[in-house]
Protein backbone atom coordinates (compact mmCIF):
# COMPACT_ATOMS: atom_id res chain seq x y z
CA UNK A 1 -84.62 -199.75 -11.14
CA UNK A 2 -86.79 -202.64 -10.10
CA UNK A 3 -84.69 -205.30 -11.61
CA UNK A 4 -81.59 -203.85 -10.87
CA UNK A 5 -82.59 -204.02 -6.72
CA UNK A 6 -83.65 -207.22 -6.70
CA UNK A 7 -80.50 -208.68 -8.97
CA UNK A 8 -78.43 -206.55 -6.57
CA UNK A 9 -79.66 -208.93 -3.73
CA UNK A 10 -77.62 -212.33 -2.98
CA UNK A 11 -79.10 -213.50 0.13
CA UNK A 12 -82.30 -213.47 -0.25
CA UNK A 13 -83.10 -211.68 2.89
CA UNK A 14 -84.02 -208.46 2.30
CA UNK A 15 -87.58 -207.21 1.14
CA UNK A 16 -87.38 -205.56 -2.06
CA UNK A 17 -91.59 -204.00 -3.18
CA UNK A 18 -90.61 -202.05 -5.84
CA UNK A 19 -93.42 -201.17 -7.75
CA UNK A 20 -93.51 -202.93 -11.40
CA UNK A 21 -94.23 -200.25 -13.51
CA UNK A 22 -93.36 -202.06 -16.58
CA UNK A 23 -96.00 -204.24 -15.80
CA UNK A 24 -98.68 -201.13 -15.31
CA UNK A 25 -97.32 -199.24 -18.06
CA UNK A 26 -98.69 -202.38 -20.59
CA UNK A 27 -101.87 -202.21 -22.66
CA UNK A 28 -104.39 -204.24 -21.76
CA UNK A 29 -103.69 -206.99 -24.39
CA UNK A 30 -102.52 -210.78 -23.80
CA UNK A 31 -99.80 -210.75 -25.54
CA UNK A 32 -98.01 -207.79 -24.15
CA UNK A 33 -98.75 -208.96 -20.34
CA UNK A 34 -97.90 -212.08 -21.22
CA UNK A 35 -94.13 -210.38 -22.29
CA UNK A 36 -94.17 -208.82 -19.38
CA UNK A 37 -95.05 -211.42 -16.82
CA UNK A 38 -91.75 -213.57 -18.85
CA UNK A 39 -89.47 -210.81 -18.44
CA UNK A 40 -90.39 -210.55 -14.83
CA UNK A 41 -90.35 -213.85 -13.76
CA UNK A 42 -87.05 -214.55 -15.75
CA UNK A 43 -85.46 -211.51 -14.52
CA UNK A 44 -85.84 -212.12 -10.55
CA UNK A 45 -83.87 -214.53 -8.63
CA UNK A 46 -86.05 -217.62 -8.19
CA UNK A 47 -86.28 -216.75 -4.29
CA UNK A 48 -87.58 -213.52 -4.92
CA UNK A 49 -91.34 -212.32 -5.31
CA UNK A 50 -92.60 -210.83 -7.86
CA UNK A 51 -94.58 -207.49 -7.01
CA UNK A 52 -97.76 -206.88 -9.10
CA UNK A 53 -100.23 -204.27 -9.00
CA UNK A 54 -102.54 -202.77 -11.49
CA UNK A 55 -101.93 -198.73 -10.20
CA UNK A 56 -101.43 -196.73 -7.72
CA UNK A 57 -102.25 -193.28 -6.41
CA UNK A 58 -99.54 -191.65 -9.75
CA UNK A 59 -101.45 -193.25 -12.34
CA UNK A 60 -104.83 -193.56 -13.96
CA UNK A 61 -106.85 -196.29 -12.62
CA UNK A 62 -106.88 -199.38 -14.39
CA UNK A 63 -110.50 -199.09 -15.22
CA UNK A 64 -110.11 -196.35 -16.91
CA UNK A 65 -106.60 -197.14 -18.54
CA UNK A 66 -107.14 -200.47 -19.39
CA UNK A 67 -110.52 -201.08 -19.42
CA UNK A 68 -111.58 -198.09 -21.28
CA UNK A 69 -114.20 -197.56 -18.31
CA UNK A 70 -116.01 -200.72 -18.78
CA UNK A 71 -117.11 -202.42 -15.82
CA UNK A 72 -117.73 -205.65 -17.86
CA UNK A 73 -113.74 -205.99 -18.24
CA UNK A 74 -112.69 -205.36 -15.37
CA UNK A 75 -113.17 -208.80 -13.17
CA UNK A 76 -110.73 -210.18 -16.36
CA UNK A 77 -107.94 -207.27 -14.85
CA UNK A 78 -108.82 -207.92 -10.89
CA UNK A 79 -108.69 -212.09 -11.90
CA UNK A 80 -104.80 -211.39 -13.89
CA UNK A 81 -103.45 -209.83 -10.50
CA UNK A 82 -105.31 -212.20 -8.19
CA UNK A 83 -103.86 -214.84 -9.84
CA UNK A 84 -99.85 -214.24 -10.55
CA UNK A 85 -97.09 -215.66 -8.29
CA UNK A 86 -95.86 -213.37 -5.70
CA UNK A 87 -97.53 -210.16 -4.51
CA UNK A 88 -100.52 -208.94 -5.62
CA UNK A 89 -101.12 -205.01 -3.97
CA UNK A 90 -105.00 -203.60 -4.67
CA UNK A 91 -105.18 -199.66 -4.59
CA UNK A 92 -107.78 -198.11 -2.81
CA UNK A 93 -111.35 -198.51 -4.79
CA UNK A 94 -109.89 -201.46 -7.29
CA UNK A 95 -111.93 -204.00 -5.43
CA UNK A 96 -114.80 -202.18 -6.54
CA UNK A 97 -113.72 -201.21 -10.24
CA UNK A 98 -113.67 -197.42 -9.45
CA UNK A 99 -112.73 -195.38 -12.87
CA UNK A 100 -110.87 -192.13 -12.69
CA UNK A 101 -112.64 -189.65 -11.11
CA UNK A 102 -113.97 -187.18 -13.52
CA UNK A 103 -110.67 -184.11 -13.87
CA UNK A 104 -110.95 -180.55 -11.94
CA UNK A 105 -110.52 -177.56 -13.09
CA UNK A 106 -107.16 -176.26 -13.09
CA UNK A 107 -107.83 -174.05 -10.79
CA UNK A 108 -109.71 -176.75 -8.58
CA UNK A 109 -106.69 -179.05 -8.65
CA UNK A 110 -104.85 -180.12 -6.04
CA UNK A 111 -102.10 -181.98 -7.07
CA UNK A 112 -98.93 -180.71 -5.69
CA UNK A 113 -96.57 -181.68 -9.03
CA UNK A 114 -99.24 -179.17 -11.04
CA UNK A 115 -100.25 -180.15 -14.49
CA UNK A 116 -97.82 -180.22 -16.39
CA UNK A 117 -96.35 -182.60 -14.51
CA UNK A 118 -97.96 -185.28 -16.80
CA UNK A 119 -98.60 -186.11 -20.34
CA UNK A 120 -101.37 -185.06 -21.25
CA UNK A 121 -101.46 -181.90 -18.86
CA UNK A 122 -103.62 -183.78 -16.65
CA UNK A 123 -103.08 -184.36 -12.62
CA UNK A 124 -103.21 -186.85 -10.30
CA UNK A 125 -105.92 -185.47 -8.75
CA UNK A 126 -108.79 -188.29 -11.04
CA UNK A 127 -107.49 -191.00 -9.09
CA UNK A 128 -107.62 -190.37 -6.22
CA UNK A 129 -110.85 -188.81 -5.85
CA UNK A 130 -111.91 -190.22 -1.84
CA UNK A 131 -112.84 -193.69 -1.40
CA UNK A 132 -116.84 -194.60 -1.98
CA UNK A 133 -118.05 -195.56 1.17
CA UNK A 134 -121.88 -195.10 0.35
CA UNK A 135 -124.34 -193.66 -1.69
CA UNK A 136 -125.00 -191.20 0.72
CA UNK A 137 -123.70 -186.97 0.51
CA UNK A 138 -119.62 -187.41 -0.60
CA UNK A 139 -120.12 -191.05 -0.67
CA UNK A 140 -119.51 -191.44 3.06
CA UNK A 141 -116.59 -190.67 2.94
CA UNK A 142 -116.66 -187.48 5.13
CA UNK A 143 -119.64 -186.12 6.88
CA UNK A 144 -122.47 -183.67 4.26
CA UNK A 145 -121.72 -181.21 5.59
CA UNK A 146 -117.60 -181.27 4.99
CA UNK A 147 -115.69 -180.45 1.87
CA UNK A 148 -113.13 -182.92 1.60
CA UNK A 149 -109.56 -182.04 0.03
CA UNK A 150 -110.87 -184.00 -3.53
CA UNK A 151 -114.56 -184.10 -4.05
CA UNK A 152 -115.85 -187.23 -3.81
CA UNK A 153 -117.45 -189.02 -6.50
CA UNK A 154 -121.04 -188.25 -7.79
CA UNK A 155 -123.79 -189.87 -10.06
CA UNK A 156 -124.09 -193.27 -11.45
CA UNK A 157 -120.57 -194.02 -9.99
CA UNK A 158 -121.40 -192.84 -6.48
CA UNK A 159 -124.94 -194.64 -6.66
CA UNK A 160 -123.58 -198.19 -7.81
CA UNK A 161 -119.23 -198.45 -6.96
CA UNK A 162 -119.34 -197.89 -3.64
CA UNK A 163 -118.77 -200.24 -0.60
CA UNK A 164 -121.92 -200.33 0.41
CA UNK A 165 -124.02 -201.26 -2.14
CA UNK A 166 -121.43 -203.81 -2.96
CA UNK A 167 -121.35 -205.08 -0.21
CA UNK A 168 -124.79 -205.91 -0.25
CA UNK A 169 -124.75 -207.64 -3.57
CA UNK A 170 -122.79 -211.05 -3.30
CA UNK A 171 -122.07 -210.53 -7.36
CA UNK A 172 -120.31 -207.74 -6.89
CA UNK A 173 -116.73 -207.17 -7.81
CA UNK A 174 -115.96 -206.16 -3.70
CA UNK A 175 -117.30 -210.26 -3.69
CA UNK A 176 -115.74 -210.99 -6.50
CA UNK A 177 -111.97 -209.46 -5.14
CA UNK A 178 -112.73 -211.47 -1.47
CA UNK A 179 -113.51 -214.62 -3.00
CA UNK A 180 -110.12 -213.91 -5.39
CA UNK A 181 -107.82 -213.60 -2.33
CA UNK A 182 -109.44 -216.23 -0.42
CA UNK A 183 -107.96 -218.00 -3.12
CA UNK A 184 -104.93 -216.80 -2.90
CA UNK A 185 -104.45 -217.38 0.92
CA UNK A 186 -105.25 -221.29 0.38
CA UNK A 187 -102.90 -221.97 -2.73
CA UNK A 188 -98.97 -220.68 -1.66
CA UNK A 189 -97.91 -221.11 -4.89
CA UNK A 190 -99.50 -218.05 -5.44
CA UNK A 191 -97.78 -216.17 -2.94
CA UNK A 192 -94.50 -217.40 -1.56
CA UNK A 193 -91.64 -217.37 -3.93
CA UNK A 194 -90.17 -221.22 -4.43
CA UNK A 195 -87.79 -222.19 -1.79
CA UNK A 196 -84.49 -222.36 -3.48
């Protein structure tokens, strides 16, 4: 388990980066998140680094799971992630505010575990859609004529939540995330465990 692994290191010279699902599985509510952060910090030895992430390739994207696909809530989640002490990990597209891609029909699903493996008979494909690099066909992930393993984002998401567009907009989620990363780099108490 996350806590057992960290507790087993008594020398402080090992690298533990176990995914903290206890955090990602919480509702996006202040009290629930405060509680899990306190438990995590209270469980780890003083030299240990907490590991925080909003999701990964096995979880619905935080924009869908926590924010209900509402872009106005995205920056609050990013600010929370980047302001906690420890190691903050972004899954591809988190910095853009990507929601889940639409669920695929079962005959097009690629998840090798199959739709029976997760609650609601869903697959993990919707959080694994290709990164949208531009507003071009196939979102610049591959050539327009190629057929990617999973379909690229389309519509409003492809048009507005792609890297090229957000790089050009200084008030975008991408720029906001880069500013938060720069702030973390300037504050060692955010990324380094205290020394005993």
